[in-house]
Amino acid sequence: LSAPSQHSVCAMRMSGRALITGGTDCKLRYWNMEVSSECGVLASEANSNNNYRTRLVEGTEVLVEEAGRTHRKTEDGKLGVEVMHQDWITDILIAQTTQRLLVTAANDGVIKMWK
């Protein structure tokens, strides 16, 4: 077994069979309850190559994130603007307007809208 995380989930939102979570590590994650290969970190300080798999824990099948290596993503040799939150993600909302939007809020008062 791996060591327990020092971070907590502070916000989550279900959308069909998918779960979107955010927390104290400032990362926004997408969990597909049916296809673990579609799970991943949507926004973080670096692009991570985390692996996701299902595992049986006390008779319940759970989806587990296993940390992989991380690397900075650059475009034409330049660092892009950080898209992640800089403080805990405290709320998540899925809004339907002319398009579907994911709205996240952080402890520092920053609100982000994702297409």
N, C-alpha and C. Protein backbone atom coordinates (compact mmCIF):
# COMPACT_ATOMS: atom_id res chain seq x y z
N LEU A 1 0.83 -1.19 0.00
CA LEU A 1 0.00 0.00 0.00
C LEU A 1 0.87 1.24 0.00
N SER A 2 0.37 2.28 -0.63
CA SER A 2 1.11 3.54 -0.66
C SER A 2 0.78 4.36 0.58
N ALA A 3 1.62 5.34 0.85
CA ALA A 3 1.41 6.22 2.01
C ALA A 3 0.19 7.09 1.77
N PRO A 4 -0.56 7.40 2.82
CA PRO A 4 -1.73 8.26 2.66
C PRO A 4 -1.32 9.67 2.22
N SER A 5 -2.18 10.32 1.48
CA SER A 5 -1.92 11.66 0.98
C SER A 5 -2.03 12.68 2.10
N GLN A 6 -1.27 13.75 2.00
CA GLN A 6 -1.35 14.86 2.94
C GLN A 6 -2.46 15.83 2.54
N HIS A 7 -3.10 15.60 1.39
CA HIS A 7 -4.09 16.52 0.84
C HIS A 7 -5.50 16.00 1.02
N SER A 8 -6.47 16.92 0.92
CA SER A 8 -7.87 16.58 1.08
C SER A 8 -8.67 17.09 -0.10
N VAL A 9 -9.76 16.39 -0.42
CA VAL A 9 -10.72 16.87 -1.42
C VAL A 9 -11.63 17.86 -0.73
N CYS A 10 -11.77 19.06 -1.30
CA CYS A 10 -12.61 20.10 -0.71
C CYS A 10 -13.88 20.32 -1.51
N ALA A 11 -13.88 19.91 -2.78
CA ALA A 11 -15.05 20.12 -3.64
C ALA A 11 -15.15 18.98 -4.63
N MET A 12 -16.39 18.58 -4.94
CA MET A 12 -16.59 17.57 -5.98
C MET A 12 -17.94 17.78 -6.64
N ARG A 13 -18.04 17.34 -7.89
CA ARG A 13 -19.27 17.48 -8.66
C ARG A 13 -19.41 16.26 -9.56
N MET A 14 -20.57 15.62 -9.51
CA MET A 14 -20.86 14.49 -10.39
C MET A 14 -21.44 15.00 -11.71
N SER A 15 -21.09 14.34 -12.78
CA SER A 15 -21.65 14.61 -14.11
C SER A 15 -21.80 13.27 -14.80
N GLY A 16 -22.99 12.69 -14.71
CA GLY A 16 -23.21 11.35 -15.25
C GLY A 16 -22.40 10.35 -14.44
N ARG A 17 -21.55 9.57 -15.10
CA ARG A 17 -20.71 8.59 -14.42
C ARG A 17 -19.31 9.16 -14.13
N ALA A 18 -19.14 10.46 -14.31
CA ALA A 18 -17.84 11.10 -14.06
C ALA A 18 -17.91 11.93 -12.79
N LEU A 19 -16.77 12.06 -12.14
CA LEU A 19 -16.64 12.85 -10.94
C LEU A 19 -15.48 13.82 -11.15
N ILE A 20 -15.71 15.09 -10.83
CA ILE A 20 -14.66 16.10 -10.91
C ILE A 20 -14.37 16.54 -9.49
N THR A 21 -13.09 16.52 -9.12
CA THR A 21 -12.71 16.88 -7.75
C THR A 21 -11.63 17.95 -7.74
N GLY A 22 -11.58 18.69 -6.65
CA GLY A 22 -10.55 19.69 -6.41
C GLY A 22 -10.27 19.74 -4.93
N GLY A 23 -9.08 20.15 -4.56
CA GLY A 23 -8.77 20.14 -3.14
C GLY A 23 -7.57 20.96 -2.75
N THR A 24 -6.97 20.55 -1.64
CA THR A 24 -5.88 21.31 -1.04
C THR A 24 -4.58 21.26 -1.85
N ASP A 25 -4.48 20.34 -2.79
CA ASP A 25 -3.27 20.29 -3.63
C ASP A 25 -3.40 21.18 -4.87
N CYS A 26 -4.51 21.93 -4.98
CA CYS A 26 -4.77 22.89 -6.07
C CYS A 26 -4.97 22.22 -7.42
N LYS A 27 -5.14 20.91 -7.45
CA LYS A 27 -5.32 20.19 -8.70
C LYS A 27 -6.80 19.90 -8.95
N LEU A 28 -7.18 20.00 -10.20
CA LEU A 28 -8.53 19.67 -10.64
C LEU A 28 -8.43 18.32 -11.35
N ARG A 29 -9.19 17.33 -10.86
CA ARG A 29 -9.10 15.97 -11.40
C ARG A 29 -10.42 15.51 -12.00
N TYR A 30 -10.31 14.69 -13.05
CA TYR A 30 -11.47 14.06 -13.70
C TYR A 30 -11.39 12.56 -13.45
N TRP A 31 -12.46 11.99 -12.87
CA TRP A 31 -12.53 10.56 -12.59
C TRP A 31 -13.67 9.97 -13.40
N ASN A 32 -13.38 9.02 -14.29
CA ASN A 32 -14.42 8.30 -15.03
C ASN A 32 -14.63 6.98 -14.31
N MET A 33 -15.82 6.78 -13.78
CA MET A 33 -16.09 5.61 -12.95
C MET A 33 -16.16 4.31 -13.75
N GLU A 34 -16.25 4.41 -15.08
CA GLU A 34 -16.34 3.21 -15.91
C GLU A 34 -15.06 2.91 -16.68
N VAL A 35 -14.30 3.94 -17.06
CA VAL A 35 -13.09 3.76 -17.88
C VAL A 35 -11.92 4.46 -17.19
N SER A 36 -11.13 3.70 -16.44
CA SER A 36 -10.05 4.32 -15.66
C SER A 36 -8.98 4.97 -16.55
N SER A 37 -8.84 4.54 -17.78
CA SER A 37 -7.83 5.13 -18.67
C SER A 37 -8.19 6.56 -19.07
N GLU A 38 -9.43 6.99 -18.85
CA GLU A 38 -9.84 8.36 -19.16
C GLU A 38 -9.68 9.31 -17.98
N CYS A 39 -9.24 8.80 -16.84
CA CYS A 39 -9.05 9.64 -15.65
C CYS A 39 -7.78 10.46 -15.78
N GLY A 40 -7.76 11.60 -15.10
CA GLY A 40 -6.53 12.38 -15.12
C GLY A 40 -6.65 13.70 -14.43
N VAL A 41 -5.52 14.39 -14.33
CA VAL A 41 -5.46 15.72 -13.76
C VAL A 41 -5.78 16.70 -14.87
N LEU A 42 -6.81 17.53 -14.66
CA LEU A 42 -7.22 18.50 -15.67
C LEU A 42 -6.36 19.75 -15.62
N ALA A 43 -5.99 20.17 -14.41
CA ALA A 43 -5.18 21.38 -14.25
C ALA A 43 -4.30 21.23 -13.03
N SER A 44 -3.00 21.42 -13.23
CA SER A 44 -2.04 21.36 -12.13
C SER A 44 -0.81 22.16 -12.50
N GLU A 45 0.15 22.22 -11.58
CA GLU A 45 1.36 23.01 -11.81
C GLU A 45 2.27 22.39 -12.87
N ALA A 46 2.11 21.15 -13.14
CA ALA A 46 2.91 20.46 -14.17
C ALA A 46 2.03 19.38 -14.79
N ASN A 47 2.35 19.00 -15.98
CA ASN A 47 1.62 17.90 -16.60
C ASN A 47 2.09 16.61 -15.97
N SER A 48 1.16 15.88 -15.40
CA SER A 48 1.57 14.67 -14.70
C SER A 48 1.19 13.44 -15.50
N ASN A 49 1.99 12.44 -15.38
CA ASN A 49 1.73 11.16 -16.02
C ASN A 49 1.25 10.17 -14.98
N ASN A 50 0.19 10.53 -14.28
CA ASN A 50 -0.35 9.65 -13.26
C ASN A 50 -1.05 8.47 -13.92
N ASN A 51 -1.06 7.36 -13.21
CA ASN A 51 -1.76 6.17 -13.68
C ASN A 51 -2.99 5.96 -12.82
N TYR A 52 -4.04 5.42 -13.41
CA TYR A 52 -5.28 5.15 -12.69
C TYR A 52 -5.64 3.69 -12.90
N ARG A 53 -6.07 3.04 -11.83
CA ARG A 53 -6.48 1.65 -11.93
C ARG A 53 -7.52 1.38 -10.87
N THR A 54 -8.26 0.31 -11.07
CA THR A 54 -9.23 -0.09 -10.06
C THR A 54 -8.58 -1.12 -9.14
N ARG A 55 -9.04 -1.13 -7.89
CA ARG A 55 -8.50 -2.04 -6.89
C ARG A 55 -9.63 -2.40 -5.93
N LEU A 56 -9.61 -3.61 -5.44
CA LEU A 56 -10.60 -4.06 -4.48
C LEU A 56 -10.11 -3.74 -3.07
N VAL A 57 -10.88 -2.94 -2.33
CA VAL A 57 -10.54 -2.57 -0.96
C VAL A 57 -11.71 -2.94 -0.06
N GLU A 58 -11.49 -3.89 0.82
CA GLU A 58 -12.50 -4.37 1.76
C GLU A 58 -13.82 -4.69 1.04
N GLY A 59 -13.71 -5.36 -0.10
CA GLY A 59 -14.88 -5.80 -0.84
C GLY A 59 -15.51 -4.76 -1.76
N THR A 60 -14.94 -3.56 -1.83
CA THR A 60 -15.46 -2.49 -2.68
C THR A 60 -14.43 -2.15 -3.75
N GLU A 61 -14.86 -2.08 -4.99
CA GLU A 61 -13.96 -1.69 -6.07
C GLU A 61 -13.78 -0.17 -6.04
N VAL A 62 -12.54 0.27 -5.95
CA VAL A 62 -12.23 1.70 -5.90
C VAL A 62 -11.27 2.06 -7.03
N LEU A 63 -11.30 3.32 -7.42
CA LEU A 63 -10.40 3.84 -8.44
C LEU A 63 -9.25 4.53 -7.73
N VAL A 64 -8.01 4.19 -8.09
CA VAL A 64 -6.82 4.67 -7.39
C VAL A 64 -5.94 5.46 -8.35
N GLU A 65 -5.45 6.62 -7.87
CA GLU A 65 -4.47 7.40 -8.63
C GLU A 65 -3.08 7.07 -8.12
N GLU A 66 -2.18 6.71 -9.03
CA GLU A 66 -0.79 6.43 -8.68
C GLU A 66 0.08 7.48 -9.35
N ALA A 67 0.84 8.20 -8.55
CA ALA A 67 1.65 9.30 -9.07
C ALA A 67 2.72 8.79 -10.02
N GLY A 68 2.85 9.47 -11.13
CA GLY A 68 3.90 9.18 -12.10
C GLY A 68 4.86 10.35 -12.13
N ARG A 69 5.72 10.39 -13.11
CA ARG A 69 6.66 11.51 -13.20
C ARG A 69 5.92 12.74 -13.74
N THR A 70 6.44 13.90 -13.43
CA THR A 70 5.84 15.15 -13.92
C THR A 70 6.87 15.91 -14.73
N HIS A 71 6.40 16.77 -15.61
CA HIS A 71 7.29 17.59 -16.42
C HIS A 71 6.59 18.88 -16.80
N ARG A 72 7.36 19.90 -17.04
CA ARG A 72 6.82 21.18 -17.48
C ARG A 72 6.48 21.10 -18.96
N LYS A 73 5.34 21.63 -19.33
CA LYS A 73 4.96 21.67 -20.74
C LYS A 73 5.31 23.06 -21.28
N THR A 74 6.07 23.09 -22.36
CA THR A 74 6.43 24.36 -22.97
C THR A 74 5.93 24.37 -24.40
N GLU A 75 5.70 25.56 -24.90
CA GLU A 75 5.27 25.71 -26.29
C GLU A 75 6.25 26.66 -26.95
N ASP A 76 6.93 26.22 -27.97
CA ASP A 76 7.93 27.02 -28.67
C ASP A 76 9.02 27.53 -27.72
N GLY A 77 9.36 26.71 -26.72
CA GLY A 77 10.42 27.07 -25.80
C GLY A 77 10.03 28.07 -24.72
N LYS A 78 8.74 28.48 -24.68
CA LYS A 78 8.30 29.46 -23.69
C LYS A 78 7.39 28.78 -22.68
N LEU A 79 7.48 29.22 -21.45
CA LEU A 79 6.56 28.71 -20.43
C LEU A 79 5.21 29.39 -20.62
N GLY A 80 4.16 28.59 -20.57
CA GLY A 80 2.82 29.14 -20.71
C GLY A 80 2.31 29.71 -19.39
N VAL A 81 1.17 30.36 -19.44
CA VAL A 81 0.52 30.88 -18.25
C VAL A 81 0.02 29.71 -17.40
N GLU A 82 0.24 29.78 -16.12
CA GLU A 82 -0.24 28.72 -15.22
C GLU A 82 -1.76 28.73 -15.23
N VAL A 83 -2.35 27.58 -15.49
CA VAL A 83 -3.80 27.50 -15.52
C VAL A 83 -4.36 27.00 -14.20
N MET A 84 -3.51 26.44 -13.38
CA MET A 84 -4.00 25.88 -12.12
C MET A 84 -4.34 26.97 -11.12
N HIS A 85 -5.13 26.61 -10.14
CA HIS A 85 -5.38 27.51 -9.02
C HIS A 85 -4.12 27.57 -8.16
N GLN A 86 -3.90 28.69 -7.51
CA GLN A 86 -2.74 28.87 -6.63
C GLN A 86 -3.08 28.62 -5.16
N ASP A 87 -4.38 28.36 -4.89
CA ASP A 87 -4.83 28.09 -3.53
C ASP A 87 -5.84 26.95 -3.60
N TRP A 88 -6.27 26.45 -2.47
CA TRP A 88 -7.19 25.31 -2.42
C TRP A 88 -8.41 25.54 -3.29
N ILE A 89 -8.82 24.50 -4.01
CA ILE A 89 -10.07 24.55 -4.77
C ILE A 89 -11.19 24.26 -3.78
N THR A 90 -12.11 25.21 -3.65
CA THR A 90 -13.15 25.10 -2.63
C THR A 90 -14.54 24.80 -3.18
N ASP A 91 -14.76 25.04 -4.49
CA ASP A 91 -16.09 24.80 -5.05
C ASP A 91 -15.98 24.50 -6.53
N ILE A 92 -16.90 23.67 -7.01
CA ILE A 92 -16.96 23.27 -8.42
C ILE A 92 -18.42 23.33 -8.85
N LEU A 93 -18.66 23.90 -10.02
CA LEU A 93 -20.01 24.00 -10.57
C LEU A 93 -19.95 23.65 -12.05
N ILE A 94 -20.94 22.91 -12.52
CA ILE A 94 -21.08 22.65 -13.96
C ILE A 94 -22.27 23.47 -14.43
N ALA A 95 -22.03 24.38 -15.38
CA ALA A 95 -23.07 25.29 -15.87
C ALA A 95 -23.35 25.01 -17.33
N GLN A 96 -24.62 25.04 -17.69
CA GLN A 96 -25.03 24.86 -19.09
C GLN A 96 -25.56 26.19 -19.61
N THR A 97 -24.83 26.79 -20.54
CA THR A 97 -25.29 28.01 -21.22
C THR A 97 -25.41 27.61 -22.68
N THR A 98 -24.86 28.38 -23.58
CA THR A 98 -24.82 27.95 -24.98
C THR A 98 -23.80 26.83 -25.14
N GLN A 99 -22.94 26.68 -24.15
CA GLN A 99 -21.99 25.58 -24.09
C GLN A 99 -21.88 25.13 -22.63
N ARG A 100 -21.31 23.97 -22.42
CA ARG A 100 -21.15 23.46 -21.06
C ARG A 100 -19.85 24.00 -20.48
N LEU A 101 -19.93 24.58 -19.29
CA LEU A 101 -18.76 25.16 -18.63
C LEU A 101 -18.55 24.53 -17.27
N LEU A 102 -17.29 24.40 -16.90
CA LEU A 102 -16.92 23.99 -15.55
C LEU A 102 -16.39 25.25 -14.87
N VAL A 103 -16.95 25.58 -13.71
CA VAL A 103 -16.54 26.76 -12.97
C VAL A 103 -15.94 26.29 -11.65
N THR A 104 -14.74 26.79 -11.34
CA THR A 104 -14.09 26.43 -10.08
C THR A 104 -13.76 27.69 -9.30
N ALA A 105 -13.77 27.57 -7.99
CA ALA A 105 -13.41 28.69 -7.11
C ALA A 105 -12.36 28.20 -6.13
N ALA A 106 -11.49 29.12 -5.74
CA ALA A 106 -10.41 28.78 -4.82
C ALA A 106 -10.50 29.62 -3.55
N ASN A 107 -9.78 29.19 -2.54
CA ASN A 107 -9.77 29.84 -1.24
C ASN A 107 -9.29 31.29 -1.30
N ASP A 108 -8.50 31.64 -2.33
CA ASP A 108 -7.99 33.01 -2.47
C ASP A 108 -8.96 33.93 -3.21
N GLY A 109 -10.16 33.44 -3.54
CA GLY A 109 -11.17 34.26 -4.20
C GLY A 109 -11.14 34.20 -5.71
N VAL A 110 -10.20 33.49 -6.30
CA VAL A 110 -10.11 33.38 -7.76
C VAL A 110 -11.16 32.39 -8.27
N ILE A 111 -11.88 32.81 -9.31
CA ILE A 111 -12.87 31.96 -9.98
C ILE A 111 -12.39 31.73 -11.40
N LYS A 112 -12.40 30.47 -11.84
CA LYS A 112 -11.97 30.13 -13.19
C LYS A 112 -13.10 29.43 -13.92
N MET A 113 -13.21 29.71 -15.22
CA MET A 113 -14.20 29.06 -16.07
C MET A 113 -13.46 28.24 -17.11
N TRP A 114 -13.87 26.97 -17.26
CA TRP A 114 -13.20 26.01 -18.14
C TRP A 114 -14.18 25.54 -19.21
N LYS A 115 -13.73 25.53 -20.45
CA LYS A 115 -14.57 25.00 -21.55
C LYS A 115 -14.41 23.52 -21.65
